[in-house]
Amino acid sequence: MAETAALGLAGKKMRAEIFARWLSGFLLLAAALVPPAVMAQTPAAPRASGKITALIPLDFVLGEQKSLDAKKDMPVFWGDTVKTERGGRVRVQLEDGSILNVGSQSSLLIQRHDANTQQTELELIYGRVRANAVKIATPSGEFNVRTRAAVAGVVGTEEYLDATDILT
C-alpha cells in the first residue's frame, strides 16, 4: 500500500513537471510572437485624419482622453468620435479631400484614415452620415463605413447611411 502511494505521488510530481515545462515553452513562444511595438506600449502621436470645415453648434469631438466642443478648423484624429446633438451638424474634410457630413443626433468614429494608402475606416455608431469620397486610385485602397448591421464600401462616389439600433 505504501508503494502504491509513493508511485501515485511520484506520478503527480512528474505530471506537474511536464505541465510546468509545457507552460513555460508556450509562454516563451507566445512572447516571441508578440511584435516589439506591442511590448513597448509607447503611445504613438495621434495621426491627423482631417479637420472640421463647417458646423452648426451642439457638437463634440470625443478623443481618447477628453471631450471637446467642436470648432471650425479643429483637427480630427484617428480614434476621434464626432458626435452631434439635436439640431447639430458637422462637416469634416479628410486629408485626401473626401467630405463627411455628420447629421443631427449622430455619432461617427474615425477609426483610420490614411490619405497616402487611401485606407479609410469609419464607424457610424448611430445617426446619419453623407460621405463624398474621392476616387480610390490604389489597388489596396478602400473607403468603408461600418454600422452594427452592415459595411458600406465605396470606390469614389457619394453615399448616405442612416443607422439605428435595428437597421441600417
Protein backbone atom coordinates (compact mmCIF):
# COMPACT_ATOMS: atom_id res chain seq x y z
CA MET A 1 0.00 0.00 0.00
CA ALA A 2 2.86 2.35 0.84
CA GLU A 3 4.48 1.56 -2.51
CA THR A 4 1.25 2.43 -4.37
CA ALA A 5 1.01 5.77 -2.54
CA ALA A 6 4.67 6.53 -3.33
CA LEU A 7 4.12 5.72 -7.02
CA GLY A 8 1.00 7.91 -7.08
CA LEU A 9 2.92 10.82 -5.54
CA ALA A 10 5.82 10.36 -7.99
CA GLY A 11 3.35 10.32 -10.92
CA LYS A 12 1.75 13.56 -9.75
CA LYS A 13 5.17 15.23 -9.45
CA MET A 14 6.12 14.04 -12.93
CA ARG A 15 2.85 15.37 -14.41
CA ALA A 16 3.40 18.70 -12.64
CA GLU A 17 6.95 18.95 -14.04
CA ILE A 18 5.75 18.13 -17.57
CA PHE A 19 2.97 20.70 -17.31
CA ALA A 20 5.40 23.35 -15.97
CA ARG A 21 7.79 22.72 -18.90
CA TRP A 22 4.94 22.83 -21.41
CA LEU A 23 3.58 26.06 -19.91
CA SER A 24 6.99 27.77 -19.88
CA GLY A 25 7.57 26.74 -23.50
CA PHE A 26 4.14 28.01 -24.50
CA LEU A 27 4.70 31.36 -22.76
CA LEU A 28 8.13 31.72 -24.36
CA LEU A 29 6.63 31.05 -27.80
CA ALA A 30 3.78 33.49 -27.17
CA ALA A 31 6.22 36.21 -26.08
CA ALA A 32 8.31 35.65 -29.22
CA LEU A 33 5.24 36.12 -31.42
CA VAL A 34 4.27 39.48 -29.89
CA PRO A 35 5.60 42.34 -32.04
CA PRO A 36 8.10 44.64 -30.29
CA ALA A 37 5.81 47.65 -30.79
CA VAL A 38 3.09 45.98 -28.71
CA MET A 39 5.52 45.05 -25.95
CA ALA A 40 6.90 48.59 -25.70
CA GLN A 41 3.44 50.14 -25.22
CA THR A 42 4.79 53.54 -26.22
CA PRO A 43 1.85 55.78 -27.02
CA ALA A 44 2.10 56.94 -30.61
CA ALA A 45 1.37 60.50 -31.59
CA PRO A 46 -2.19 60.86 -32.88
CA ARG A 47 -2.43 60.74 -36.66
CA ALA A 48 -4.40 63.53 -38.28
CA SER A 49 -7.40 62.50 -40.35
CA GLY A 50 -8.72 65.89 -41.41
CA LYS A 51 -10.43 68.94 -39.97
CA ILE A 52 -13.88 70.34 -39.28
CA THR A 53 -14.77 72.81 -42.04
CA ALA A 54 -18.33 73.74 -41.04
CA LEU A 55 -20.72 73.10 -38.18
CA ILE A 56 -23.97 74.03 -36.53
CA PRO A 57 -23.35 74.14 -32.76
CA LEU A 58 -24.06 71.42 -30.23
CA ASP A 59 -21.29 69.17 -31.47
CA PHE A 60 -18.41 67.41 -29.76
CA VAL A 61 -15.22 65.59 -30.66
CA LEU A 62 -14.52 62.74 -28.27
CA GLY A 63 -10.81 61.94 -28.26
CA GLU A 64 -9.05 59.14 -26.43
CA GLN A 65 -8.62 61.21 -23.27
CA LYS A 66 -11.22 64.02 -23.34
CA SER A 67 -14.30 65.54 -24.93
CA LEU A 68 -14.00 68.89 -26.73
CA ASP A 69 -16.58 71.26 -28.17
CA ALA A 70 -16.29 71.09 -31.94
CA LYS A 71 -14.92 74.23 -33.61
CA LYS A 72 -14.31 75.30 -37.20
CA ASP A 73 -10.83 74.28 -38.45
CA MET A 74 -10.43 71.91 -35.49
CA PRO A 75 -8.29 68.89 -36.45
CA VAL A 76 -9.70 65.39 -36.06
CA PHE A 77 -7.50 62.36 -35.49
CA TRP A 78 -7.60 58.58 -35.74
CA GLY A 79 -9.77 57.29 -32.91
CA ASP A 80 -11.81 60.51 -32.55
CA THR A 81 -15.59 60.35 -32.43
CA VAL A 82 -17.56 63.22 -33.93
CA LYS A 83 -20.85 63.48 -32.04
CA THR A 84 -23.76 65.79 -32.79
CA GLU A 85 -26.69 66.64 -30.54
CA ARG A 86 -30.24 67.53 -31.60
CA GLY A 87 -30.03 70.24 -34.27
CA GLY A 88 -26.24 69.99 -34.60
CA ARG A 89 -24.33 69.09 -37.77
CA VAL A 90 -20.65 68.80 -38.65
CA ARG A 91 -18.76 68.76 -41.94
CA VAL A 92 -15.34 67.08 -41.83
CA GLN A 93 -12.88 67.33 -44.71
CA LEU A 94 -10.49 64.39 -44.66
CA GLU A 95 -6.83 64.66 -45.64
CA ASP A 96 -7.49 63.12 -49.09
CA GLY A 97 -10.28 65.61 -49.89
CA SER A 98 -13.21 63.34 -49.00
CA ILE A 99 -16.04 65.12 -47.19
CA LEU A 100 -18.16 63.71 -44.36
CA ASN A 101 -21.42 65.43 -43.41
CA VAL A 102 -22.48 64.15 -39.98
CA GLY A 103 -26.20 64.65 -39.40
CA SER A 104 -28.08 65.70 -36.30
CA GLN A 105 -28.09 63.27 -33.36
CA SER A 106 -25.27 61.16 -34.80
CA SER A 107 -22.01 59.60 -33.64
CA LEU A 108 -19.22 58.81 -36.14
CA LEU A 109 -15.93 57.16 -35.12
CA ILE A 110 -12.92 57.84 -37.36
CA GLN A 111 -11.10 54.55 -36.89
CA ARG A 112 -8.46 55.13 -39.56
CA HIS A 113 -7.79 57.49 -42.44
CA ASP A 114 -4.52 57.29 -44.35
CA ALA A 115 -4.53 59.59 -47.39
CA ASN A 116 -1.32 58.07 -48.81
CA THR A 117 -2.60 54.49 -48.96
CA GLN A 118 -6.24 55.54 -49.40
CA GLN A 119 -7.32 53.41 -46.45
CA THR A 120 -10.36 54.82 -44.64
CA GLU A 121 -12.35 53.02 -41.93
CA LEU A 122 -15.28 54.80 -40.29
CA GLU A 123 -17.90 53.51 -37.88
CA LEU A 124 -21.34 55.08 -37.77
CA ILE A 125 -22.35 54.23 -34.22
CA TYR A 126 -25.79 55.80 -34.69
CA GLY A 127 -27.39 58.54 -36.74
CA ARG A 128 -26.71 59.74 -40.28
CA VAL A 129 -23.67 60.49 -42.40
CA ARG A 130 -23.27 61.54 -46.01
CA ALA A 131 -19.82 60.75 -47.40
CA ASN A 132 -18.45 62.19 -50.62
CA ALA A 133 -15.35 60.04 -51.11
CA VAL A 134 -12.57 60.81 -53.57
CA LYS A 135 -11.90 58.22 -56.25
CA ILE A 136 -9.83 55.29 -54.99
CA ALA A 137 -6.78 55.01 -57.25
CA THR A 138 -4.60 52.49 -55.39
CA PRO A 139 -5.25 48.72 -55.63
CA SER A 140 -5.30 48.29 -51.85
CA GLY A 141 -7.33 51.45 -51.23
CA GLU A 142 -10.73 51.28 -49.57
CA PHE A 143 -13.30 53.60 -48.03
CA ASN A 144 -15.58 51.71 -45.64
CA VAL A 145 -18.32 52.86 -43.29
CA ARG A 146 -19.37 50.25 -40.73
CA THR A 147 -22.58 50.09 -38.72
CA ARG A 148 -23.88 47.44 -36.35
CA ALA A 149 -25.70 45.75 -39.22
CA ALA A 150 -23.66 46.35 -42.38
CA VAL A 151 -20.49 47.61 -44.07
CA ALA A 152 -20.72 50.05 -46.97
CA GLY A 153 -17.67 50.42 -49.21
CA VAL A 154 -17.19 52.94 -51.99
CA VAL A 155 -14.73 53.46 -54.83
CA GLY A 156 -15.26 57.18 -55.41
CA THR A 157 -18.80 58.32 -55.06
CA GLU A 158 -21.30 59.71 -52.63
CA GLU A 159 -23.00 57.52 -50.08
CA TYR A 160 -25.64 58.17 -47.45
CA LEU A 161 -26.11 55.95 -44.40
CA ASP A 162 -28.70 56.04 -41.65
CA ALA A 163 -28.01 53.69 -38.72
CA THR A 164 -30.38 52.86 -35.88
CA ASP A 165 -30.40 50.08 -33.32
CA ILE A 166 -32.37 47.76 -35.58
CA LEU A 167 -31.49 48.68 -39.17
CA THR A 168 -29.02 50.39 -41.49
